[in-house]
PDB file of N, CA and C in Angstrom:
ATOM      1  N   MET A   1       0.965  -1.196   0.207  1.00  0.00           N
ATOM      2  CA  MET A   1      -0.149  -0.119  -0.185  1.00  0.00           C
ATOM      3  C   MET A   1       1.254   1.286   0.031  1.00  0.00           C
ATOM      4  N   PRO A   2       0.384   2.308  -0.766  1.00  0.00           N
ATOM      5  CA  PRO A   2       1.425   3.241  -0.999  1.00  0.00           C
ATOM      6  C   PRO A   2       1.287   4.346   0.510  1.00  0.00           C
ATOM      7  N   LYS A   3       2.259   5.280   0.404  1.00  0.00           N
ATOM      8  CA  LYS A   3       2.293   5.951   1.890  1.00  0.00           C
ATOM      9  C   LYS A   3       1.198   7.211   1.962  1.00  0.00           C
ATOM     10  N   MET A   4       0.436   7.319   2.885  1.00  0.00           N
ATOM     11  CA  MET A   4      -0.393   8.594   2.996  1.00  0.00           C
ATOM     12  C   MET A   4       0.486  10.089   2.969  1.00  0.00           C
ATOM     13  N   LYS A   5      -0.250  10.883   1.954  1.00  0.00           N
ATOM     14  CA  LYS A   5       0.429  11.782   1.852  1.00  0.00           C
ATOM     15  C   LYS A   5      -0.295  12.870   2.995  1.00  0.00           C
ATOM     16  N   SER A   6       0.855  13.826   3.524  1.00  0.00           N
ATOM     17  CA  SER A   6       0.775  14.839   4.817  1.00  0.00           C
ATOM     18  C   SER A   6      -0.751  15.807   4.318  1.00  0.00           C
ATOM     19  N   VAL A   7      -1.556  15.918   4.618  1.00  0.00           N
ATOM     20  CA  VAL A   7      -2.729  17.414   4.502  1.00  0.00           C
ATOM     21  C   VAL A   7      -1.776  18.463   4.192  1.00  0.00           C
ATOM     22  N   LYS A   8      -1.469  19.415   3.233  1.00  0.00           N
ATOM     23  CA  LYS A   8      -0.316  20.118   3.530  1.00  0.00           C
ATOM     24  C   LYS A   8      -0.849  21.278   4.248  1.00  0.00           C
ATOM     25  N   GLY A   9      -1.992  21.552   4.538  1.00  0.00           N
ATOM     26  CA  GLY A   9      -2.981  22.884   4.934  1.00  0.00           C
ATOM     27  C   GLY A   9      -2.603  22.777   6.554  1.00  0.00           C
ATOM     28  N   ALA A  10      -2.604  21.166   7.089  1.00  0.00           N
ATOM     29  CA  ALA A  10      -2.128  21.038   8.157  1.00  0.00           C
ATOM     30  C   ALA A  10      -0.514  21.120   8.676  1.00  0.00           C
ATOM     31  N   VAL A  11       0.095  20.756   7.781  1.00  0.00           N
ATOM     32  CA  VAL A  11       1.701  20.811   7.638  1.00  0.00           C
ATOM     33  C   VAL A  11       1.862  22.256   8.026  1.00  0.00           C
ATOM     34  N   LYS A  12       1.344  23.461   7.013  1.00  0.00           N
ATOM     35  CA  LYS A  12       1.242  24.809   7.273  1.00  0.00           C
ATOM     36  C   LYS A  12       1.038  25.659   8.520  1.00  0.00           C
ATOM     37  N   ARG A  13      -0.122  24.932   9.505  1.00  0.00           N
ATOM     38  CA  ARG A  13      -0.821  25.253  10.350  1.00  0.00           C
ATOM     39  C   ARG A  13      -0.306  24.533  11.819  1.00  0.00           C
ATOM     40  N   PHE A  14       0.301  23.672  12.065  1.00  0.00           N
ATOM     41  CA  PHE A  14       0.782  23.107  13.343  1.00  0.00           C
ATOM     42  C   PHE A  14       2.416  22.528  13.357  1.00  0.00           C
ATOM     43  N   LYS A  15       2.880  22.589  14.347  1.00  0.00           N
ATOM     44  CA  LYS A  15       4.305  22.324  14.595  1.00  0.00           C
ATOM     45  C   LYS A  15       4.541  21.451  15.366  1.00  0.00           C
ATOM     46  N   VAL A  16       5.195  20.074  15.313  1.00  0.00           N
ATOM     47  CA  VAL A  16       5.223  19.227  16.610  1.00  0.00           C
ATOM     48  C   VAL A  16       6.762  19.686  17.568  1.00  0.00           C
ATOM     49  N   LYS A  17       6.370  19.778  18.503  1.00  0.00           N
ATOM     50  CA  LYS A  17       7.689  20.292  19.796  1.00  0.00           C
ATOM     51  C   LYS A  17       8.256  18.892  20.024  1.00  0.00           C
ATOM     52  N   LYS A  18       9.596  19.325  20.342  1.00  0.00           N
ATOM     53  CA  LYS A  18      10.617  18.100  20.419  1.00  0.00           C
ATOM     54  C   LYS A  18      10.190  17.003  21.512  1.00  0.00           C
ATOM     55  N   ASN A  19       8.933  17.536  21.901  1.00  0.00           N
ATOM     56  CA  ASN A  19       8.382  16.295  22.924  1.00  0.00           C
ATOM     57  C   ASN A  19       7.483  15.556  22.366  1.00  0.00           C
ATOM     58  N   GLY A  20       7.276  15.899  21.356  1.00  0.00           N
ATOM     59  CA  GLY A  20       5.989  14.960  20.659  1.00  0.00           C
ATOM     60  C   GLY A  20       4.868  15.928  20.812  1.00  0.00           C
ATOM     61  N   GLN A  21       4.160  17.190  21.606  1.00  0.00           N
ATOM     62  CA  GLN A  21       3.410  17.688  21.914  1.00  0.00           C
ATOM     63  C   GLN A  21       3.051  18.521  20.473  1.00  0.00           C
ATOM     64  N   VAL A  22       1.632  19.161  20.143  1.00  0.00           N
ATOM     65  CA  VAL A  22       1.303  19.634  18.817  1.00  0.00           C
ATOM     66  C   VAL A  22       1.252  21.226  19.253  1.00  0.00           C
ATOM     67  N   LYS A  23       1.998  22.348  18.477  1.00  0.00           N
ATOM     68  CA  LYS A  23       1.989  23.826  18.856  1.00  0.00           C
ATOM     69  C   LYS A  23       0.898  23.974  17.759  1.00  0.00           C
ATOM     70  N   ARG A  24       0.208  24.978  18.328  1.00  0.00           N
ATOM     71  CA  ARG A  24      -0.494  25.583  16.985  1.00  0.00           C
ATOM     72  C   ARG A  24      -0.935  26.722  17.400  1.00  0.00           C
ATOM     73  N   GLY A  25      -1.515  28.180  16.447  1.00  0.00           N
ATOM     74  CA  GLY A  25      -2.186  29.217  16.510  1.00  0.00           C
ATOM     75  C   GLY A  25      -3.344  29.106  17.610  1.00  0.00           C
ATOM     76  N   LYS A  26      -3.791  30.190  17.869  1.00  0.00           N
ATOM     77  CA  LYS A  26      -5.137  30.339  18.252  1.00  0.00           C
ATOM     78  C   LYS A  26      -5.788  31.006  17.303  1.00  0.00           C
ATOM     79  N   ALA A  27      -7.637  30.641  17.318  1.00  0.00           N
ATOM     80  CA  ALA A  27      -8.169  31.308  16.602  1.00  0.00           C
ATOM     81  C   ALA A  27      -8.644  32.775  16.795  1.00  0.00           C
ATOM     82  N   PHE A  28      -9.567  33.689  16.116  1.00  0.00           N
ATOM     83  CA  PHE A  28     -10.130  34.400  16.019  1.00  0.00           C
ATOM     84  C   PHE A  28      -9.443  35.682  17.265  1.00  0.00           C
ATOM     85  N   ARG A  29      -8.006  36.242  17.274  1.00  0.00           N
ATOM     86  CA  ARG A  29      -7.666  36.668  18.430  1.00  0.00           C
ATOM     87  C   ARG A  29      -6.767  37.700  17.506  1.00  0.00           C
ATOM     88  N   SER A  30      -6.881  37.914  16.389  1.00  0.00           N
ATOM     89  CA  SER A  30      -5.997  39.022  15.374  1.00  0.00           C
ATOM     90  C   SER A  30      -6.541  39.840  14.586  1.00  0.00           C
ATOM     91  N   HIS A  31      -7.933  40.120  14.608  1.00  0.00           N
ATOM     92  CA  HIS A  31      -8.073  40.910  13.660  1.00  0.00           C
ATOM     93  C   HIS A  31      -9.675  41.143  14.409  1.00  0.00           C
ATOM     94  N   ILE A  32      -9.920  42.580  14.099  1.00  0.00           N
ATOM     95  CA  ILE A  32     -11.120  43.290  14.369  1.00  0.00           C
ATOM     96  C   ILE A  32     -11.336  43.200  16.326  1.00  0.00           C
ATOM     97  N   LEU A  33     -10.547  43.391  17.131  1.00  0.00           N
ATOM     98  CA  LEU A  33     -10.244  43.361  18.215  1.00  0.00           C
ATOM     99  C   LEU A  33     -11.404  44.465  19.162  1.00  0.00           C
ATOM    100  N   THR A  34     -11.877  45.365  18.737  1.00  0.00           N
ATOM    101  CA  THR A  34     -12.300  46.368  18.915  1.00  0.00           C
ATOM    102  C   THR A  34     -14.043  46.040  19.667  1.00  0.00           C
ATOM    103  N   LYS A  35     -14.253  45.373  19.214  1.00  0.00           N
ATOM    104  CA  LYS A  35     -15.678  44.882  19.821  1.00  0.00           C
ATOM    105  C   LYS A  35     -15.613  43.869  20.727  1.00  0.00           C
ATOM    106  N   GLN A  36     -14.402  43.011  20.770  1.00  0.00           N
ATOM    107  CA  GLN A  36     -14.142  41.899  22.058  1.00  0.00           C
ATOM    108  C   GLN A  36     -13.803  42.848  23.584  1.00  0.00           C
ATOM    109  N   ASP A  37     -14.653  41.924  24.397  1.00  0.00           N
ATOM    110  CA  ASP A  37     -14.504  42.231  26.023  1.00  0.00           C
ATOM    111  C   ASP A  37     -13.218  42.121  26.317  1.00  0.00           C
ATOM    112  N   ALA A  38     -12.377  42.931  27.326  1.00  0.00           N
ATOM    113  CA  ALA A  38     -11.374  42.575  27.435  1.00  0.00           C
ATOM    114  C   ALA A  38     -10.782  41.697  28.478  1.00  0.00           C
ATOM    115  N   GLN A  39     -12.183  41.411  29.178  1.00  0.00           N
ATOM    116  CA  GLN A  39     -12.075  40.450  30.140  1.00  0.00           C
ATOM    117  C   GLN A  39     -12.287  39.218  30.154  1.00  0.00           C
ATOM    118  N   THR A  40     -12.595  38.894  28.674  1.00  0.00           N
ATOM    119  CA  THR A  40     -12.572  37.172  28.261  1.00  0.00           C
ATOM    120  C   THR A  40     -11.377  36.482  28.551  1.00  0.00           C
ATOM    121  N   PRO A  41     -11.189  35.313  28.852  1.00  0.00           N
ATOM    122  CA  PRO A  41     -10.286  34.201  28.846  1.00  0.00           C
ATOM    123  C   PRO A  41      -9.677  34.122  27.436  1.00  0.00           C
ATOM    124  N   SER A  42      -8.463  34.228  27.208  1.00  0.00           N
ATOM    125  CA  SER A  42      -8.125  33.499  25.770  1.00  0.00           C
ATOM    126  C   SER A  42      -7.451  32.670  25.878  1.00  0.00           C
TER     127      SER A  42
END
């Protein structure tokens, strides 16, 4: 059976740390933040 190809969109969004954990960015935290409440936990 042939090897599975990586999902290239996921390869660009996630990095694997040395201990094996996945490092990822946070969604909805970078654009039009004036309407957001400052006390919301991020």
